[in-house]
Amino acid sequence: MIVSFDLDDTLFVDPHKFDTENPLRFPYKFFYKERLRLGTIQLLSKIRKNDISLWVYTTSFRSEKYIKSLFRCYGIKIDNVINGERHQKEVQGNKLQAMPSKYPSKYRIDLHIDDDVSVYQNGIRYGFKVFLIKNEDIDWVNNIWNEIEKMKEMKK
C-alpha cells in the first residue's frame, strides 16, 4: 500500500494557527524552517511501522533531497517524492489539456492526504482516493489512520 501526503497546510503548518511538533535542534532548525503539524511524527512513524510505503506529493518545487532530508531529521524515512517539477514533467508533459494539480493514480498511490478541496474534487472526477484534512480536525491523526485501516481491509 502507498500513502502520500501534501506538504503545505497539510503537514507543514503555520505555528501561529496550529499546534506544531517541536522545532528541530541546532543547527537543523536554521536549514529547515517549516513546522510540522502536531501529530505528524506519530502518524508517519505508525505508517512506516506497518510497512506502508510513505510518499510526499506536493505542488511545491522543493527538491526531493530537501524533503527527504527534512523528514530524516525527525526520524522519518520518505520512500518517494513527487514535487511540482516532477509532476509537470511526468503528468502534464506535452498535453494540451490541463491535468489536475495532483494525479496520485499515475503513481499507483492508494491514498493521498491533502487540505485542498480541489484535489479532493479531482479525486472524484479522475478516480483517485483523497482524504481531505480539515483545519479544525483535532483528531486528524486517528481519522487518517482509520481511513488507512479501511483501505487495507478493502485490499484483502
N, C-alpha and C. Protein backbone atom coordinates (compact mmCIF):
# COMPACT_ATOMS: atom_id res chain seq x y z
N MET A 1 0.84 -1.18 0.00
CA MET A 1 0.00 0.00 0.00
C MET A 1 0.89 1.24 0.00
N ILE A 2 0.46 2.26 -0.73
CA ILE A 2 1.19 3.54 -0.80
C ILE A 2 0.26 4.65 -0.32
N VAL A 3 0.78 5.46 0.62
CA VAL A 3 0.06 6.63 1.13
C VAL A 3 0.93 7.84 0.88
N SER A 4 0.34 8.90 0.33
CA SER A 4 1.09 10.13 0.09
C SER A 4 0.46 11.29 0.85
N PHE A 5 1.31 12.27 1.15
CA PHE A 5 0.87 13.46 1.86
C PHE A 5 1.28 14.70 1.08
N ASP A 6 0.39 15.68 1.08
CA ASP A 6 0.72 17.02 0.64
C ASP A 6 1.55 17.64 1.76
N LEU A 7 2.27 18.71 1.45
CA LEU A 7 3.08 19.39 2.47
C LEU A 7 2.42 20.65 2.99
N ASP A 8 2.33 21.68 2.17
CA ASP A 8 1.91 23.00 2.63
C ASP A 8 0.45 23.00 3.09
N ASP A 9 0.26 23.42 4.34
CA ASP A 9 -1.03 23.50 5.01
C ASP A 9 -1.64 22.12 5.31
N THR A 10 -0.89 21.06 5.02
CA THR A 10 -1.31 19.71 5.40
C THR A 10 -0.37 19.22 6.50
N LEU A 11 0.90 19.00 6.16
CA LEU A 11 1.90 18.63 7.17
C LEU A 11 2.70 19.84 7.64
N PHE A 12 3.04 20.74 6.72
CA PHE A 12 3.74 21.98 7.09
C PHE A 12 2.67 23.04 7.38
N VAL A 13 2.68 23.54 8.62
CA VAL A 13 1.64 24.49 9.02
C VAL A 13 2.23 25.72 9.69
N ASP A 14 1.42 26.74 9.77
CA ASP A 14 1.80 27.99 10.43
C ASP A 14 1.68 27.79 11.94
N PRO A 15 2.79 27.92 12.68
CA PRO A 15 2.73 27.70 14.14
C PRO A 15 1.88 28.72 14.89
N HIS A 16 1.49 29.80 14.23
CA HIS A 16 0.59 30.77 14.87
C HIS A 16 -0.87 30.33 14.77
N LYS A 17 -1.14 29.37 13.90
CA LYS A 17 -2.51 28.89 13.70
C LYS A 17 -2.73 27.47 14.18
N PHE A 18 -1.66 26.69 14.29
CA PHE A 18 -1.76 25.27 14.63
C PHE A 18 -0.76 24.92 15.73
N ASP A 19 -1.09 23.88 16.49
CA ASP A 19 -0.10 23.28 17.37
C ASP A 19 0.88 22.53 16.49
N THR A 20 2.16 22.63 16.81
CA THR A 20 3.19 22.02 15.97
C THR A 20 4.11 21.13 16.80
N GLU A 21 4.80 20.26 16.07
CA GLU A 21 5.86 19.46 16.67
C GLU A 21 6.95 20.43 17.14
N ASN A 22 7.79 19.96 18.05
CA ASN A 22 8.92 20.78 18.48
C ASN A 22 9.81 21.09 17.29
N PRO A 23 10.38 22.29 17.26
CA PRO A 23 11.29 22.59 16.15
C PRO A 23 12.52 21.70 16.21
N LEU A 24 13.15 21.55 15.09
CA LEU A 24 14.40 20.78 15.05
C LEU A 24 15.45 21.47 15.90
N ARG A 25 16.43 20.70 16.33
CA ARG A 25 17.51 21.26 17.14
C ARG A 25 18.55 21.93 16.25
N PHE A 26 19.39 22.69 16.90
CA PHE A 26 20.52 23.34 16.25
C PHE A 26 21.41 22.26 15.64
N PRO A 27 21.92 22.41 14.46
CA PRO A 27 21.80 23.53 13.53
C PRO A 27 20.67 23.35 12.52
N TYR A 28 19.94 22.22 12.57
CA TYR A 28 18.96 21.88 11.55
C TYR A 28 17.81 22.88 11.46
N LYS A 29 17.47 23.50 12.60
CA LYS A 29 16.34 24.45 12.58
C LYS A 29 16.62 25.66 11.70
N PHE A 30 17.89 25.90 11.39
CA PHE A 30 18.23 27.01 10.50
C PHE A 30 18.12 26.63 9.03
N PHE A 31 18.24 25.35 8.72
CA PHE A 31 18.11 24.87 7.34
C PHE A 31 16.65 24.57 6.99
N TYR A 32 15.92 24.03 7.97
CA TYR A 32 14.54 23.59 7.75
C TYR A 32 13.62 24.42 8.63
N LYS A 33 13.04 25.43 8.04
CA LYS A 33 12.22 26.37 8.81
C LYS A 33 10.75 25.93 8.91
N GLU A 34 10.33 24.99 8.07
CA GLU A 34 8.94 24.53 8.10
C GLU A 34 8.65 23.87 9.45
N ARG A 35 7.42 24.04 9.90
CA ARG A 35 6.98 23.41 11.15
C ARG A 35 5.92 22.35 10.85
N LEU A 36 6.07 21.21 11.47
CA LEU A 36 5.16 20.10 11.26
C LEU A 36 3.95 20.20 12.18
N ARG A 37 2.80 19.91 11.61
CA ARG A 37 1.55 19.84 12.38
C ARG A 37 1.73 18.82 13.51
N LEU A 38 1.26 19.16 14.70
CA LEU A 38 1.38 18.26 15.84
C LEU A 38 0.67 16.94 15.53
N GLY A 39 1.36 15.84 15.73
CA GLY A 39 0.84 14.51 15.43
C GLY A 39 1.47 13.90 14.18
N THR A 40 2.16 14.71 13.39
CA THR A 40 2.76 14.23 12.14
C THR A 40 3.76 13.11 12.40
N ILE A 41 4.65 13.31 13.37
CA ILE A 41 5.68 12.30 13.63
C ILE A 41 5.04 10.99 14.08
N GLN A 42 4.06 11.08 14.96
CA GLN A 42 3.35 9.88 15.43
C GLN A 42 2.70 9.13 14.27
N LEU A 43 1.98 9.86 13.42
CA LEU A 43 1.27 9.22 12.31
C LEU A 43 2.23 8.62 11.29
N LEU A 44 3.22 9.39 10.87
CA LEU A 44 4.13 8.88 9.85
C LEU A 44 4.95 7.71 10.38
N SER A 45 5.31 7.74 11.64
CA SER A 45 6.03 6.61 12.25
C SER A 45 5.16 5.36 12.26
N LYS A 46 3.88 5.53 12.58
CA LYS A 46 2.95 4.40 12.60
C LYS A 46 2.78 3.81 11.20
N ILE A 47 2.70 4.67 10.21
CA ILE A 47 2.59 4.22 8.82
C ILE A 47 3.82 3.38 8.45
N ARG A 48 5.01 3.89 8.78
CA ARG A 48 6.26 3.18 8.47
C ARG A 48 6.30 1.82 9.19
N LYS A 49 5.90 1.80 10.46
CA LYS A 49 5.95 0.55 11.25
C LYS A 49 5.00 -0.51 10.71
N ASN A 50 4.00 -0.08 9.95
CA ASN A 50 3.03 -1.01 9.37
C ASN A 50 3.37 -1.36 7.92
N ASP A 51 4.61 -1.12 7.54
CA ASP A 51 5.10 -1.49 6.20
C ASP A 51 4.28 -0.89 5.06
N ILE A 52 3.83 0.34 5.28
CA ILE A 52 3.12 1.08 4.24
C ILE A 52 4.12 2.05 3.63
N SER A 53 4.16 2.10 2.32
CA SER A 53 5.09 3.00 1.64
C SER A 53 4.62 4.44 1.81
N LEU A 54 5.54 5.30 2.22
CA LEU A 54 5.22 6.68 2.57
C LEU A 54 5.82 7.63 1.54
N TRP A 55 4.94 8.40 0.89
CA TRP A 55 5.35 9.33 -0.16
C TRP A 55 4.92 10.75 0.19
N VAL A 56 5.57 11.69 -0.45
CA VAL A 56 5.15 13.08 -0.43
C VAL A 56 4.76 13.45 -1.85
N TYR A 57 3.59 14.07 -2.00
CA TYR A 57 3.13 14.55 -3.31
C TYR A 57 2.74 16.01 -3.12
N THR A 58 3.57 16.90 -3.62
CA THR A 58 3.39 18.34 -3.38
C THR A 58 3.50 19.11 -4.69
N THR A 59 2.80 20.22 -4.76
CA THR A 59 2.95 21.09 -5.92
C THR A 59 4.13 22.04 -5.75
N SER A 60 4.73 22.02 -4.56
CA SER A 60 5.88 22.90 -4.33
C SER A 60 7.08 22.41 -5.14
N PHE A 61 8.04 23.28 -5.30
CA PHE A 61 9.23 22.93 -6.07
C PHE A 61 10.42 22.65 -5.16
N ARG A 62 10.16 22.33 -3.89
CA ARG A 62 11.25 21.88 -3.01
C ARG A 62 11.83 20.61 -3.62
N SER A 63 13.13 20.45 -3.50
CA SER A 63 13.77 19.28 -4.10
C SER A 63 13.46 18.01 -3.32
N GLU A 64 13.56 16.88 -3.99
CA GLU A 64 13.38 15.59 -3.34
C GLU A 64 14.39 15.43 -2.20
N LYS A 65 15.62 15.83 -2.45
CA LYS A 65 16.67 15.72 -1.44
C LYS A 65 16.31 16.54 -0.20
N TYR A 66 15.85 17.76 -0.40
CA TYR A 66 15.47 18.63 0.71
C TYR A 66 14.34 17.99 1.54
N ILE A 67 13.32 17.52 0.88
CA ILE A 67 12.16 16.94 1.57
C ILE A 67 12.56 15.70 2.35
N LYS A 68 13.28 14.80 1.70
CA LYS A 68 13.70 13.56 2.38
C LYS A 68 14.62 13.88 3.56
N SER A 69 15.51 14.83 3.39
CA SER A 69 16.44 15.20 4.46
C SER A 69 15.70 15.81 5.65
N LEU A 70 14.74 16.68 5.37
CA LEU A 70 13.97 17.29 6.45
C LEU A 70 13.28 16.22 7.29
N PHE A 71 12.60 15.29 6.65
CA PHE A 71 11.89 14.25 7.41
C PHE A 71 12.86 13.30 8.10
N ARG A 72 14.01 13.06 7.50
CA ARG A 72 15.04 12.22 8.13
C ARG A 72 15.48 12.83 9.46
N CYS A 73 15.52 14.16 9.54
CA CYS A 73 15.87 14.84 10.81
C CYS A 73 14.87 14.51 11.91
N TYR A 74 13.65 14.18 11.54
CA TYR A 74 12.63 13.79 12.50
C TYR A 74 12.55 12.27 12.67
N GLY A 75 13.45 11.54 12.01
CA GLY A 75 13.48 10.09 12.12
C GLY A 75 12.49 9.38 11.21
N ILE A 76 12.01 10.07 10.18
CA ILE A 76 11.01 9.51 9.26
C ILE A 76 11.64 9.30 7.89
N LYS A 77 11.51 8.09 7.35
CA LYS A 77 12.01 7.80 6.00
C LYS A 77 10.86 7.98 5.01
N ILE A 78 11.10 8.83 4.03
CA ILE A 78 10.14 9.05 2.93
C ILE A 78 10.62 8.20 1.76
N ASP A 79 9.72 7.38 1.21
CA ASP A 79 10.11 6.47 0.13
C ASP A 79 10.21 7.15 -1.22
N ASN A 80 9.35 8.13 -1.47
CA ASN A 80 9.33 8.74 -2.79
C ASN A 80 8.74 10.14 -2.67
N VAL A 81 9.16 11.02 -3.58
CA VAL A 81 8.68 12.40 -3.60
C VAL A 81 8.28 12.75 -5.01
N ILE A 82 7.07 13.28 -5.14
CA ILE A 82 6.64 13.89 -6.40
C ILE A 82 6.46 15.37 -6.08
N ASN A 83 7.32 16.19 -6.65
CA ASN A 83 7.22 17.64 -6.43
C ASN A 83 6.64 18.28 -7.69
N GLY A 84 6.54 19.60 -7.67
CA GLY A 84 5.95 20.31 -8.80
C GLY A 84 6.66 20.06 -10.10
N GLU A 85 7.98 20.01 -10.05
CA GLU A 85 8.76 19.78 -11.26
C GLU A 85 8.51 18.39 -11.84
N ARG A 86 8.55 17.38 -10.99
CA ARG A 86 8.32 16.00 -11.46
C ARG A 86 6.90 15.83 -11.99
N HIS A 87 5.93 16.39 -11.28
CA HIS A 87 4.54 16.32 -11.71
C HIS A 87 4.38 16.96 -13.10
N GLN A 88 4.99 18.13 -13.26
CA GLN A 88 4.89 18.84 -14.54
C GLN A 88 5.44 17.98 -15.68
N LYS A 89 6.56 17.34 -15.43
CA LYS A 89 7.21 16.53 -16.47
C LYS A 89 6.45 15.23 -16.74
N GLU A 90 6.06 14.53 -15.67
CA GLU A 90 5.52 13.18 -15.84
C GLU A 90 4.00 13.13 -15.99
N VAL A 91 3.29 14.10 -15.46
CA VAL A 91 1.83 14.08 -15.55
C VAL A 91 1.35 15.04 -16.64
N GLN A 92 1.75 16.29 -16.55
CA GLN A 92 1.29 17.26 -17.54
C GLN A 92 1.99 17.04 -18.88
N GLY A 93 3.32 16.93 -18.83
CA GLY A 93 4.08 16.70 -20.06
C GLY A 93 3.71 17.65 -21.16
N ASN A 94 3.46 17.11 -22.35
CA ASN A 94 3.10 17.92 -23.52
C ASN A 94 1.60 17.97 -23.78
N LYS A 95 0.81 17.52 -22.82
CA LYS A 95 -0.65 17.52 -23.01
C LYS A 95 -1.17 18.95 -23.13
N LEU A 96 -2.06 19.16 -24.06
CA LEU A 96 -2.65 20.48 -24.24
C LEU A 96 -3.70 20.77 -23.17
N GLN A 97 -4.47 19.73 -22.79
CA GLN A 97 -5.48 19.88 -21.76
C GLN A 97 -4.80 19.91 -20.39
N ALA A 98 -5.18 20.87 -19.56
CA ALA A 98 -4.59 20.97 -18.21
C ALA A 98 -4.97 19.74 -17.39
N MET A 99 -3.98 19.12 -16.81
CA MET A 99 -4.19 17.98 -15.92
C MET A 99 -4.40 18.52 -14.50
N PRO A 100 -4.97 17.67 -13.60
CA PRO A 100 -5.15 18.14 -12.22
C PRO A 100 -3.80 18.43 -11.56
N SER A 101 -3.83 19.24 -10.51
CA SER A 101 -2.59 19.63 -9.82
C SER A 101 -1.88 18.45 -9.18
N LYS A 102 -2.64 17.40 -8.88
CA LYS A 102 -2.07 16.14 -8.38
C LYS A 102 -2.83 15.01 -9.05
N TYR A 103 -2.11 13.93 -9.33
CA TYR A 103 -2.72 12.80 -10.02
C TYR A 103 -2.14 11.50 -9.44
N PRO A 104 -2.51 11.17 -8.19
CA PRO A 104 -1.91 10.04 -7.48
C PRO A 104 -2.04 8.69 -8.20
N SER A 105 -3.11 8.48 -8.93
CA SER A 105 -3.29 7.18 -9.59
C SER A 105 -2.19 6.91 -10.63
N LYS A 106 -1.59 7.94 -11.17
CA LYS A 106 -0.47 7.76 -12.11
C LYS A 106 0.66 6.99 -11.45
N TYR A 107 0.80 7.17 -10.14
CA TYR A 107 1.90 6.54 -9.40
C TYR A 107 1.43 5.36 -8.55
N ARG A 108 0.19 4.93 -8.76
CA ARG A 108 -0.40 3.82 -8.01
C ARG A 108 -0.47 4.09 -6.51
N ILE A 109 -0.67 5.35 -6.17
CA ILE A 109 -0.85 5.74 -4.78
C ILE A 109 -2.27 5.36 -4.38
N ASP A 110 -2.39 4.64 -3.27
CA ASP A 110 -3.69 4.16 -2.82
C ASP A 110 -4.50 5.24 -2.12
N LEU A 111 -3.81 6.12 -1.36
CA LEU A 111 -4.50 7.16 -0.62
C LEU A 111 -3.61 8.39 -0.55
N HIS A 112 -4.18 9.53 -0.90
CA HIS A 112 -3.46 10.80 -0.82
C HIS A 112 -4.16 11.66 0.23
N ILE A 113 -3.37 12.30 1.10
CA ILE A 113 -3.91 13.17 2.14
C ILE A 113 -3.57 14.61 1.77
N ASP A 114 -4.60 15.47 1.76
CA ASP A 114 -4.42 16.85 1.30
C ASP A 114 -5.42 17.76 2.02
N ASP A 115 -5.12 19.05 2.05
CA ASP A 115 -6.04 20.02 2.65
C ASP A 115 -6.85 20.78 1.59
N ASP A 116 -6.53 20.58 0.33
CA ASP A 116 -7.12 21.36 -0.76
C ASP A 116 -8.36 20.66 -1.31
N VAL A 117 -9.50 21.31 -1.18
CA VAL A 117 -10.76 20.71 -1.63
C VAL A 117 -10.74 20.44 -3.14
N SER A 118 -10.01 21.23 -3.93
CA SER A 118 -9.95 20.97 -5.37
C SER A 118 -9.24 19.64 -5.67
N VAL A 119 -8.27 19.27 -4.84
CA VAL A 119 -7.61 17.97 -5.02
C VAL A 119 -8.61 16.86 -4.71
N TYR A 120 -9.40 17.05 -3.67
CA TYR A 120 -10.45 16.08 -3.33
C TYR A 120 -11.45 15.94 -4.47
N GLN A 121 -11.89 17.08 -5.02
CA GLN A 121 -12.84 17.05 -6.14
C GLN A 121 -12.24 16.39 -7.37
N ASN A 122 -10.95 16.63 -7.63
CA ASN A 122 -10.28 15.96 -8.75
C ASN A 122 -10.19 14.46 -8.50
N GLY A 123 -10.06 14.06 -7.25
CA GLY A 123 -10.05 12.64 -6.92
C GLY A 123 -11.35 11.98 -7.34
N ILE A 124 -12.46 12.64 -7.08
CA ILE A 124 -13.76 12.12 -7.50
C ILE A 124 -13.83 12.07 -9.03
N ARG A 125 -13.41 13.15 -9.66
CA ARG A 125 -13.51 13.26 -11.12
C ARG A 125 -12.59 12.28 -11.85
N TYR A 126 -11.35 12.12 -11.35
CA TYR A 126 -10.36 11.31 -12.05
C TYR A 126 -10.15 9.93 -11.43
N GLY A 127 -10.86 9.62 -10.37
CA GLY A 127 -10.84 8.27 -9.83
C GLY A 127 -9.65 7.95 -8.93
N PHE A 128 -9.24 8.88 -8.08
CA PHE A 128 -8.23 8.53 -7.07
C PHE A 128 -8.74 8.92 -5.69
N LYS A 129 -8.25 8.24 -4.68
CA LYS A 129 -8.76 8.39 -3.31
C LYS A 129 -7.99 9.48 -2.57
N VAL A 130 -8.74 10.46 -2.06
CA VAL A 130 -8.17 11.57 -1.31
C VAL A 130 -8.87 11.66 0.04
N PHE A 131 -8.07 11.75 1.09
CA PHE A 131 -8.60 12.08 2.41
C PHE A 131 -8.38 13.56 2.60
N LEU A 132 -9.47 14.30 2.77
CA LEU A 132 -9.40 15.76 2.92
C LEU A 132 -9.25 16.09 4.39
N ILE A 133 -8.10 16.64 4.75
CA ILE A 133 -7.86 17.03 6.13
C ILE A 133 -8.39 18.44 6.32
N LYS A 134 -9.15 18.62 7.37
CA LYS A 134 -9.74 19.93 7.64
C LYS A 134 -8.95 20.59 8.76
N ASN A 135 -8.79 21.89 8.67
CA ASN A 135 -8.00 22.64 9.66
C ASN A 135 -8.50 22.43 11.08
N GLU A 136 -9.79 22.34 11.24
CA GLU A 136 -10.36 22.25 12.58
C GLU A 136 -10.40 20.81 13.13
N ASP A 137 -9.92 19.85 12.38
CA ASP A 137 -9.95 18.44 12.79
C ASP A 137 -8.85 18.17 13.82
N ILE A 138 -9.23 18.16 15.10
CA ILE A 138 -8.23 17.91 16.14
C ILE A 138 -7.87 16.43 16.25
N ASP A 139 -8.70 15.56 15.69
CA ASP A 139 -8.43 14.12 15.72
C ASP A 139 -7.94 13.62 14.37
N TRP A 140 -7.24 14.47 13.65
CA TRP A 140 -6.82 14.16 12.28
C TRP A 140 -5.96 12.92 12.19
N VAL A 141 -5.09 12.68 13.18
CA VAL A 141 -4.20 11.52 13.14
C VAL A 141 -5.03 10.23 13.15
N ASN A 142 -5.97 10.13 14.09
CA ASN A 142 -6.81 8.93 14.16
C ASN A 142 -7.73 8.80 12.96
N ASN A 143 -8.24 9.91 12.47
CA ASN A 143 -9.13 9.86 11.31
C ASN A 143 -8.40 9.34 10.08
N ILE A 144 -7.17 9.79 9.88
CA ILE A 144 -6.39 9.29 8.74
C ILE A 144 -6.04 7.83 8.94
N TRP A 145 -5.62 7.46 10.17
CA TRP A 145 -5.27 6.07 10.41
C TRP A 145 -6.49 5.16 10.18
N ASN A 146 -7.67 5.58 10.62
CA ASN A 146 -8.88 4.79 10.39
C ASN A 146 -9.15 4.61 8.90
N GLU A 147 -8.90 5.66 8.12
CA GLU A 147 -9.08 5.57 6.66
C GLU A 147 -8.08 4.58 6.05
N ILE A 148 -6.85 4.60 6.53
CA ILE A 148 -5.83 3.66 6.06
C ILE A 148 -6.26 2.23 6.39
N GLU A 149 -6.74 2.02 7.61
CA GLU A 149 -7.20 0.68 8.02
C GLU A 149 -8.34 0.19 7.13
N LYS A 150 -9.29 1.08 6.82
CA LYS A 150 -10.40 0.71 5.93
C LYS A 150 -9.88 0.28 4.56
N MET A 151 -8.91 1.04 4.06
CA MET A 151 -8.36 0.72 2.74
C MET A 151 -7.60 -0.59 2.75
N LYS A 152 -6.88 -0.85 3.83
CA LYS A 152 -6.15 -2.12 3.96
C LYS A 152 -7.14 -3.29 3.93
N GLU A 153 -8.26 -3.13 4.62
CA GLU A 153 -9.28 -4.19 4.65
C GLU A 153 -9.87 -4.41 3.25
N MET A 154 -10.11 -3.33 2.52
CA MET A 154 -10.68 -3.45 1.18
C MET A 154 -9.71 -4.15 0.23
N LYS A 155 -8.41 -4.00 0.45
CA LYS A 155 -7.42 -4.60 -0.44
C LYS A 155 -7.26 -6.09 -0.21
N LYS A 156 -7.73 -6.58 0.95
CA LYS A 156 -7.58 -8.02 1.25
C LYS A 156 -8.45 -8.87 0.36
